[in-house]
Amino acid sequence: MTPIAIVALVTLVTKICTLIGLGLYTIFAGIMIRQEQLMAAVLEEGFEPILRLLTILHFAAAVSLFILAIIIL
């Protein structure tokens, strides 16, 4: 293998690992939404709407980051 081919292979593997990691993080953000829903059903606090908004914004940011990474990488 030539040095250029090795660099290309390492770059490809790095990109794939990055996309897999971001995909797992996006799934984690989706699970956080479900956990927040379950917590809100059990606990009755005054800051539930704020917490729900934060989890939804976090999920939207994770999805946006994943899509941006797909486009860029």
Protein backbone atom coordinates (compact mmCIF):
# COMPACT_ATOMS: atom_id res chain seq x y z
CA MET A 1 0.00 0.00 0.00
CA THR A 2 1.18 3.45 -0.81
CA PRO A 3 1.29 6.16 1.85
CA ILE A 4 -1.55 7.97 0.11
CA ALA A 5 -3.75 4.87 0.28
CA ILE A 6 -2.96 4.44 3.99
CA VAL A 7 -3.90 8.06 4.70
CA ALA A 8 -7.13 7.66 2.73
CA LEU A 9 -7.98 4.47 4.64
CA VAL A 10 -7.29 6.08 8.02
CA THR A 11 -9.40 9.09 7.04
CA LEU A 12 -12.28 6.85 5.97
CA VAL A 13 -12.15 4.83 9.18
CA THR A 14 -12.07 8.04 11.24
CA LYS A 15 -15.10 9.43 9.41
CA ILE A 16 -17.05 6.19 9.87
CA CYS A 17 -16.21 6.05 13.58
CA THR A 18 -17.26 9.69 13.97
CA LEU A 19 -20.61 9.03 12.29
CA ILE A 20 -21.20 5.92 14.40
CA GLY A 21 -20.41 7.87 17.57
CA LEU A 22 -22.69 10.74 16.63
CA GLY A 23 -25.43 8.26 15.72
CA LEU A 24 -25.16 6.63 19.15
CA TYR A 25 -25.26 10.05 20.79
CA THR A 26 -28.42 10.90 18.84
CA ILE A 27 -30.03 7.67 20.03
CA PHE A 28 -28.98 8.57 23.58
CA ALA A 29 -30.64 11.98 23.21
CA GLY A 30 -33.84 10.25 22.09
CA ILE A 31 -33.70 7.98 25.13
CA MET A 32 -33.32 11.06 27.32
CA ILE A 33 -36.65 12.35 26.01
CA ARG A 34 -38.34 9.12 27.03
CA GLN A 35 -36.69 9.20 30.46
CA GLU A 36 -37.87 12.76 30.98
CA GLN A 37 -41.43 11.74 30.11
CA LEU A 38 -41.31 8.90 32.62
CA MET A 39 -39.85 11.17 35.28
CA ALA A 40 -42.53 13.81 34.66
CA ALA A 41 -45.22 11.16 35.14
CA VAL A 42 -43.81 10.19 38.53
CA LEU A 43 -42.68 13.54 39.91
CA GLU A 44 -44.73 16.69 39.89
CA GLU A 45 -42.41 19.66 39.92
CA GLY A 46 -42.77 23.23 38.75
CA PHE A 47 -39.85 23.07 36.32
CA GLU A 48 -41.18 20.20 34.17
CA PRO A 49 -41.92 22.38 31.10
CA ILE A 50 -38.43 23.87 31.22
CA LEU A 51 -36.83 20.44 31.53
CA ARG A 52 -38.97 19.10 28.68
CA LEU A 53 -37.96 22.05 26.49
CA LEU A 54 -34.28 21.46 27.28
CA THR A 55 -34.47 17.77 26.41
CA ILE A 56 -36.25 18.50 23.14
CA LEU A 57 -33.70 21.18 22.25
CA HIS A 58 -30.90 18.76 23.12
CA PHE A 59 -32.40 16.11 20.85
CA ALA A 60 -32.86 18.63 18.02
CA ALA A 61 -29.24 19.74 18.39
CA ALA A 62 -28.02 16.13 18.34
CA VAL A 63 -30.03 15.33 15.20
CA SER A 64 -28.86 18.54 13.53
CA LEU A 65 -25.24 17.75 14.38
CA PHE A 66 -25.60 14.23 12.99
CA ILE A 67 -27.11 15.49 9.73
CA LEU A 68 -24.45 18.18 9.45
CA ALA A 69 -21.73 15.58 9.98
CA ILE A 70 -23.22 13.40 7.23
CA ILE A 71 -23.22 16.36 4.86
CA ILE A 72 -19.71 17.53 5.72
CA LEU A 73 -18.03 14.16 6.05
